[in-house]
């Protein structure tokens, strides 16, 4: 009887030990699985954070570049507008190259403008007397930014003189003159001679 009781007790202890051992193994597996899942989640979060940061940095740099370009464009436009305001009065009338065509007069001087290729030929004849005088010849281009006819360095001044028999003697004084022909506000023409200032205070009417 005692032997039977002893055997039953040992069997009970063995079952208890087996039960304890059976519950420990799944716990270890579960812990290892949880660690691996946590590590993978952390790595995914790190990658997503890095990608998000890179995208935000790129967007910020693009926006900064765009804003800088827009500011530069606005500054250039403002500078151009200011330069135009300094060059031309906002109330000044607008003239085209065709508005210069024809024959204009001022005392003993005549100013003739005719088309010449893509530009204009300007000839100014100034008679200092019945027998002698000077002729200025300019090959001009029309400047839309100033509405002037402009000659840069190719102007020719020729002096002429008639003798008693009506023969004329021409003398080229220079061939490097510059000038501008421009419209006044009242529809007349002005002449700016940049070589000798010969056209000072002269106004030509048609």
C-alpha atoms as a PDB file:
ATOM      1  CA  UNK A   1       0.000   0.000   0.000  1.00  0.00           C
ATOM      2  CA  UNK A   2       2.770   2.399   0.893  1.00  0.00           C
ATOM      3  CA  UNK A   3       4.591   1.435  -2.285  1.00  0.00           C
ATOM      4  CA  UNK A   4       1.504   2.268  -4.339  1.00  0.00           C
ATOM      5  CA  UNK A   5       1.131   5.644  -2.667  1.00  0.00           C
ATOM      6  CA  UNK A   6       4.791   6.386  -3.315  1.00  0.00           C
ATOM      7  CA  UNK A   7       4.434   5.457  -6.994  1.00  0.00           C
ATOM      8  CA  UNK A   8       1.373   7.667  -7.358  1.00  0.00           C
ATOM      9  CA  UNK A   9       3.195  10.597  -5.754  1.00  0.00           C
ATOM     10  CA  UNK A  10       6.185  10.185  -8.056  1.00  0.00           C
ATOM     11  CA  UNK A  11       3.873   9.962 -11.048  1.00  0.00           C
ATOM     12  CA  UNK A  12       2.118  13.164  -9.977  1.00  0.00           C
ATOM     13  CA  UNK A  13       5.448  14.963  -9.598  1.00  0.00           C
ATOM     14  CA  UNK A  14       6.566  13.742 -13.023  1.00  0.00           C
ATOM     15  CA  UNK A  15       3.353  15.050 -14.612  1.00  0.00           C
ATOM     16  CA  UNK A  16       3.810  18.368 -12.875  1.00  0.00           C
ATOM     17  CA  UNK A  17       7.378  18.684 -14.121  1.00  0.00           C
ATOM     18  CA  UNK A  18       6.308  17.733 -17.638  1.00  0.00           C
ATOM     19  CA  UNK A  19       3.551  20.348 -17.574  1.00  0.00           C
ATOM     20  CA  UNK A  20       5.972  23.052 -16.442  1.00  0.00           C
ATOM     21  CA  UNK A  21       8.476  22.181 -19.124  1.00  0.00           C
ATOM     22  CA  UNK A  22       5.746  22.225 -21.775  1.00  0.00           C
ATOM     23  CA  UNK A  23       4.705  25.777 -20.926  1.00  0.00           C
ATOM     24  CA  UNK A  24       8.224  27.249 -21.009  1.00  0.00           C
ATOM     25  CA  UNK A  25       9.117  26.370 -24.611  1.00  0.00           C
ATOM     26  CA  UNK A  26       6.252  28.286 -26.286  1.00  0.00           C
ATOM     27  CA  UNK A  27       7.090  31.376 -24.191  1.00  0.00           C
ATOM     28  CA  UNK A  28      10.652  31.435 -25.501  1.00  0.00           C
ATOM     29  CA  UNK A  29       9.405  31.159 -29.098  1.00  0.00           C
ATOM     30  CA  UNK A  30       6.883  33.940 -28.550  1.00  0.00           C
ATOM     31  CA  UNK A  31       9.547  36.274 -27.120  1.00  0.00           C
ATOM     32  CA  UNK A  32      11.879  35.650 -30.038  1.00  0.00           C
ATOM     33  CA  UNK A  33       9.036  36.279 -32.544  1.00  0.00           C
ATOM     34  CA  UNK A  34       8.070  39.518 -30.800  1.00  0.00           C
ATOM     35  CA  UNK A  35      11.686  40.781 -30.850  1.00  0.00           C
ATOM     36  CA  UNK A  36      12.030  40.039 -34.558  1.00  0.00           C
ATOM     37  CA  UNK A  37       8.720  41.757 -35.368  1.00  0.00           C
ATOM     38  CA  UNK A  38       9.671  44.800 -33.293  1.00  0.00           C
ATOM     39  CA  UNK A  39      13.064  45.033 -35.024  1.00  0.00           C
ATOM     40  CA  UNK A  40      11.497  44.801 -38.478  1.00  0.00           C
ATOM     41  CA  UNK A  41       8.898  47.458 -37.567  1.00  0.00           C
ATOM     42  CA  UNK A  42      11.664  49.754 -36.296  1.00  0.00           C
ATOM     43  CA  UNK A  43      13.674  49.310 -39.494  1.00  0.00           C
ATOM     44  CA  UNK A  44      10.608  50.023 -41.662  1.00  0.00           C
ATOM     45  CA  UNK A  45       9.818  53.131 -39.611  1.00  0.00           C
ATOM     46  CA  UNK A  46      13.429  54.338 -40.002  1.00  0.00           C
ATOM     47  CA  UNK A  47      13.325  53.844 -43.791  1.00  0.00           C
ATOM     48  CA  UNK A  48       9.977  55.628 -44.081  1.00  0.00           C
ATOM     49  CA  UNK A  49      11.249  58.509 -41.942  1.00  0.00           C
ATOM     50  CA  UNK A  50      14.397  58.823 -44.096  1.00  0.00           C
ATOM     51  CA  UNK A  51      12.364  58.815 -47.315  1.00  0.00           C
ATOM     52  CA  UNK A  52       9.928  61.397 -45.935  1.00  0.00           C
ATOM     53  CA  UNK A  53      12.795  63.627 -44.775  1.00  0.00           C
ATOM     54  CA  UNK A  54      14.506  63.386 -48.174  1.00  0.00           C
ATOM     55  CA  UNK A  55      11.276  64.256 -50.017  1.00  0.00           C
ATOM     56  CA  UNK A  56      10.596  67.198 -47.718  1.00  0.00           C
ATOM     57  CA  UNK A  57      14.182  68.448 -48.180  1.00  0.00           C
ATOM     58  CA  UNK A  58      13.891  68.211 -51.994  1.00  0.00           C
ATOM     59  CA  UNK A  59      10.562  70.030 -51.977  1.00  0.00           C
ATOM     60  CA  UNK A  60      11.976  72.767 -49.741  1.00  0.00           C
ATOM     61  CA  UNK A  61      15.009  73.233 -52.028  1.00  0.00           C
ATOM     62  CA  UNK A  62      12.781  73.352 -55.122  1.00  0.00           C
ATOM     63  CA  UNK A  63      10.479  75.923 -53.548  1.00  0.00           C
ATOM     64  CA  UNK A  64      13.451  78.043 -52.464  1.00  0.00           C
ATOM     65  CA  UNK A  65      14.945  77.930 -55.985  1.00  0.00           C
ATOM     66  CA  UNK A  66      11.609  78.837 -57.574  1.00  0.00           C
ATOM     67  CA  UNK A  67      11.086  81.743 -55.192  1.00  0.00           C
ATOM     68  CA  UNK A  68      14.610  83.036 -55.861  1.00  0.00           C
ATOM     69  CA  UNK A  69      14.043  82.851 -59.640  1.00  0.00           C
ATOM     70  CA  UNK A  70      10.732  84.709 -59.332  1.00  0.00           C
ATOM     71  CA  UNK A  71      12.340  87.416 -57.210  1.00  0.00           C
ATOM     72  CA  UNK A  72      15.162  87.801 -59.747  1.00  0.00           C
ATOM     73  CA  UNK A  73      12.670  88.091 -62.619  1.00  0.00           C
ATOM     74  CA  UNK A  74      10.666  90.712 -60.746  1.00  0.00           C
ATOM     75  CA  UNK A  75      13.829  92.683 -59.994  1.00  0.00           C
ATOM     76  CA  UNK A  76      14.857  92.651 -63.677  1.00  0.00           C
ATOM     77  CA  UNK A  77      11.387  93.781 -64.766  1.00  0.00           C
ATOM     78  CA  UNK A  78      11.417  96.606 -62.229  1.00  0.00           C
ATOM     79  CA  UNK A  79      14.886  97.713 -63.343  1.00  0.00           C
ATOM     80  CA  UNK A  80      13.845  97.667 -67.006  1.00  0.00           C
ATOM     81  CA  UNK A  81      10.684  99.633 -66.279  1.00  0.00           C
ATOM     82  CA  UNK A  82      12.664 102.205 -64.290  1.00  0.00           C
ATOM     83  CA  UNK A  83      15.179 102.607 -67.125  1.00  0.00           C
ATOM     84  CA  UNK A  84      12.380 103.134 -69.643  1.00  0.00           C
ATOM     85  CA  UNK A  85      10.768 105.749 -67.412  1.00  0.00           C
ATOM     86  CA  UNK A  86      14.092 107.617 -67.198  1.00  0.00           C
ATOM     87  CA  UNK A  87      14.617 107.455 -70.964  1.00  0.00           C
ATOM     88  CA  UNK A  88      11.110 108.384 -72.078  1.00  0.00           C
ATOM     89  CA  UNK A  89       8.554 110.602 -70.453  1.00  0.00           C
ATOM     90  CA  UNK A  90       5.372 108.590 -69.810  1.00  0.00           C
ATOM     91  CA  UNK A  91       3.362 111.431 -71.357  1.00  0.00           C
ATOM     92  CA  UNK A  92       5.421 111.617 -74.550  1.00  0.00           C
ATOM     93  CA  UNK A  93       3.580 110.699 -77.756  1.00  0.00           C
ATOM     94  CA  UNK A  94       4.624 107.590 -79.656  1.00  0.00           C
ATOM     95  CA  UNK A  95       6.209 107.992 -83.093  1.00  0.00           C
ATOM     96  CA  UNK A  96       7.225 105.413 -85.676  1.00  0.00           C
ATOM     97  CA  UNK A  97       9.912 105.651 -88.332  1.00  0.00           C
ATOM     98  CA  UNK A  98       7.292 106.546 -90.954  1.00  0.00           C
ATOM     99  CA  UNK A  99       6.394 109.666 -88.992  1.00  0.00           C
ATOM    100  CA  UNK A 100       9.782 111.134 -89.963  1.00  0.00           C
ATOM    101  CA  UNK A 101       9.410 110.783 -93.720  1.00  0.00           C
ATOM    102  CA  UNK A 102       9.248 113.910 -95.864  1.00  0.00           C
ATOM    103  CA  UNK A 103      10.843 117.335 -96.167  1.00  0.00           C
ATOM    104  CA  UNK A 104      11.134 119.554 -93.113  1.00  0.00           C
ATOM    105  CA  UNK A 105      12.353 123.132 -92.876  1.00  0.00           C
ATOM    106  CA  UNK A 106      13.957 125.507 -90.382  1.00  0.00           C
ATOM    107  CA  UNK A 107      15.011 128.904 -91.764  1.00  0.00           C
ATOM    108  CA  UNK A 108      17.745 128.333 -94.338  1.00  0.00           C
ATOM    109  CA  UNK A 109      18.017 124.647 -93.430  1.00  0.00           C
ATOM    110  CA  UNK A 110      16.070 121.750 -94.881  1.00  0.00           C
ATOM    111  CA  UNK A 111      15.891 118.236 -93.442  1.00  0.00           C
ATOM    112  CA  UNK A 112      14.885 115.373 -95.735  1.00  0.00           C
ATOM    113  CA  UNK A 113      14.046 111.860 -94.526  1.00  0.00           C
ATOM    114  CA  UNK A 114      13.463 108.923 -96.863  1.00  0.00           C
ATOM    115  CA  UNK A 115      13.478 105.158 -96.505  1.00  0.00           C
ATOM    116  CA  UNK A 116      16.763 103.348 -97.139  1.00  0.00           C
ATOM    117  CA  UNK A 117      16.617  99.544 -96.923  1.00  0.00           C
ATOM    118  CA  UNK A 118      15.737  98.670 -93.342  1.00  0.00           C
ATOM    119  CA  UNK A 119      16.653 102.158 -92.167  1.00  0.00           C
ATOM    120  CA  UNK A 120      16.361 105.804 -93.126  1.00  0.00           C
ATOM    121  CA  UNK A 121      18.498 108.280 -95.044  1.00  0.00           C
ATOM    122  CA  UNK A 122      18.579 111.724 -93.467  1.00  0.00           C
ATOM    123  CA  UNK A 123      20.055 114.708 -95.296  1.00  0.00           C
ATOM    124  CA  UNK A 124      20.284 118.162 -93.763  1.00  0.00           C
ATOM    125  CA  UNK A 125      21.272 121.064 -95.994  1.00  0.00           C
ATOM    126  CA  UNK A 126      22.167 124.371 -94.403  1.00  0.00           C
ATOM    127  CA  UNK A 127      22.879 127.339 -96.660  1.00  0.00           C
ATOM    128  CA  UNK A 128      25.009 129.934 -94.936  1.00  0.00           C
ATOM    129  CA  UNK A 129      24.673 132.098 -98.046  1.00  0.00           C
ATOM    130  CA  UNK A 130      23.410 131.839-101.611  1.00  0.00           C
ATOM    131  CA  UNK A 131      26.757 130.454-102.787  1.00  0.00           C
ATOM    132  CA  UNK A 132      27.900 128.170 -99.995  1.00  0.00           C
ATOM    133  CA  UNK A 133      26.753 125.954 -97.193  1.00  0.00           C
ATOM    134  CA  UNK A 134      27.009 122.487 -95.635  1.00  0.00           C
ATOM    135  CA  UNK A 135      25.271 119.134 -96.031  1.00  0.00           C
ATOM    136  CA  UNK A 136      25.038 116.477 -93.294  1.00  0.00           C
ATOM    137  CA  UNK A 137      24.238 112.959 -94.453  1.00  0.00           C
ATOM    138  CA  UNK A 138      23.176 110.299 -91.928  1.00  0.00           C
ATOM    139  CA  UNK A 139      22.338 106.638 -92.441  1.00  0.00           C
ATOM    140  CA  UNK A 140      19.941 106.059 -89.555  1.00  0.00           C
ATOM    141  CA  UNK A 141      18.064 103.266 -87.822  1.00  0.00           C
ATOM    142  CA  UNK A 142      14.841 103.694 -85.903  1.00  0.00           C
ATOM    143  CA  UNK A 143      15.173 103.102 -82.148  1.00  0.00           C
ATOM    144  CA  UNK A 144      11.796 101.940 -80.753  1.00  0.00           C
ATOM    145  CA  UNK A 145      12.948 102.410 -77.153  1.00  0.00           C
ATOM    146  CA  UNK A 146      13.454 106.160 -77.698  1.00  0.00           C
ATOM    147  CA  UNK A 147      11.397 106.690 -80.915  1.00  0.00           C
ATOM    148  CA  UNK A 148      14.424 108.431 -82.458  1.00  0.00           C
ATOM    149  CA  UNK A 149      16.299 108.032 -85.732  1.00  0.00           C
ATOM    150  CA  UNK A 150      19.848 107.219 -84.726  1.00  0.00           C
ATOM    151  CA  UNK A 151      23.146 107.395 -86.619  1.00  0.00           C
ATOM    152  CA  UNK A 152      26.215 106.015 -84.898  1.00  0.00           C
ATOM    153  CA  UNK A 153      29.585 107.049 -86.318  1.00  0.00           C
ATOM    154  CA  UNK A 154      28.819 107.098 -90.068  1.00  0.00           C
ATOM    155  CA  UNK A 155      27.598 110.659 -90.517  1.00  0.00           C
ATOM    156  CA  UNK A 156      29.219 112.739 -93.282  1.00  0.00           C
ATOM    157  CA  UNK A 157      29.577 116.500 -93.397  1.00  0.00           C
ATOM    158  CA  UNK A 158      30.283 118.027 -96.790  1.00  0.00           C
ATOM    159  CA  UNK A 159      30.827 121.739 -97.375  1.00  0.00           C
ATOM    160  CA  UNK A 160      29.983 123.146-100.815  1.00  0.00           C
ATOM    161  CA  UNK A 161      30.777 126.399-102.574  1.00  0.00           C
ATOM    162  CA  UNK A 162      29.675 127.773-105.956  1.00  0.00           C
ATOM    163  CA  UNK A 163      31.942 130.014-108.022  1.00  0.00           C
ATOM    164  CA  UNK A 164      30.793 132.811-110.319  1.00  0.00           C
ATOM    165  CA  UNK A 165      30.315 130.383-113.200  1.00  0.00           C
ATOM    166  CA  UNK A 166      28.018 128.124-111.168  1.00  0.00           C
ATOM    167  CA  UNK A 167      30.564 125.392-110.654  1.00  0.00           C
ATOM    168  CA  UNK A 168      30.460 123.746-107.240  1.00  0.00           C
ATOM    169  CA  UNK A 169      33.376 122.652-105.128  1.00  0.00           C
ATOM    170  CA  UNK A 170      32.654 120.005-102.444  1.00  0.00           C
ATOM    171  CA  UNK A 171      34.872 119.416 -99.429  1.00  0.00           C
ATOM    172  CA  UNK A 172      34.364 116.465 -97.074  1.00  0.00           C
ATOM    173  CA  UNK A 173      34.930 117.721 -93.545  1.00  0.00           C
ATOM    174  CA  UNK A 174      34.464 114.396 -91.712  1.00  0.00           C
ATOM    175  CA  UNK A 175      32.916 110.966 -92.149  1.00  0.00           C
ATOM    176  CA  UNK A 176      32.520 109.804 -88.552  1.00  0.00           C
ATOM    177  CA  UNK A 177      29.615 111.879 -87.327  1.00  0.00           C
ATOM    178  CA  UNK A 178      26.808 110.729 -85.033  1.00  0.00           C
ATOM    179  CA  UNK A 179      23.356 112.197 -84.632  1.00  0.00           C
ATOM    180  CA  UNK A 180      19.781 111.679 -83.521  1.00  0.00           C
ATOM    181  CA  UNK A 181      16.665 112.990 -85.191  1.00  0.00           C
ATOM    182  CA  UNK A 182      13.708 113.144 -82.846  1.00  0.00           C
ATOM    183  CA  UNK A 183      10.108 114.288 -82.679  1.00  0.00           C
ATOM    184  CA  UNK A 184       9.112 117.132 -80.402  1.00  0.00           C
ATOM    185  CA  UNK A 185       5.861 117.045 -78.422  1.00  0.00           C
ATOM    186  CA  UNK A 186       4.254 119.498 -80.844  1.00  0.00           C
ATOM    187  CA  UNK A 187       4.967 117.403 -83.959  1.00  0.00           C
ATOM    188  CA  UNK A 188       8.204 119.044 -85.123  1.00  0.00           C
ATOM    189  CA  UNK A 189      11.650 117.512 -85.564  1.00  0.00           C
ATOM    190  CA  UNK A 190      14.774 118.140 -83.549  1.00  0.00           C
ATOM    191  CA  UNK A 191      18.371 117.451 -84.580  1.00  0.00           C
ATOM    192  CA  UNK A 192      21.079 116.453 -82.119  1.00  0.00           C
ATOM    193  CA  UNK A 193      24.483 116.633 -83.786  1.00  0.00           C
ATOM    194  CA  UNK A 194      26.887 114.693 -81.567  1.00  0.00           C
ATOM    195  CA  UNK A 195      29.978 115.719 -83.505  1.00  0.00           C
ATOM    196  CA  UNK A 196      29.741 119.530 -83.545  1.00  0.00           C
ATOM    197  CA  UNK A 197      26.397 120.277 -81.896  1.00  0.00           C
ATOM    198  CA  UNK A 198      25.408 122.016 -85.123  1.00  0.00           C
ATOM    199  CA  UNK A 199      21.670 121.383 -84.634  1.00  0.00           C
ATOM    200  CA  UNK A 200      21.375 123.128 -81.276  1.00  0.00           C
ATOM    201  CA  UNK A 201      18.102 125.031 -80.839  1.00  0.00           C
ATOM    202  CA  UNK A 202      16.933 124.111 -84.345  1.00  0.00           C
ATOM    203  CA  UNK A 203      13.318 122.977 -84.879  1.00  0.00           C
ATOM    204  CA  UNK A 204      12.124 121.656 -88.232  1.00  0.00           C
ATOM    205  CA  UNK A 205       8.492 121.871 -89.312  1.00  0.00           C
ATOM    206  CA  UNK A 206       6.672 120.266 -92.227  1.00  0.00           C
END
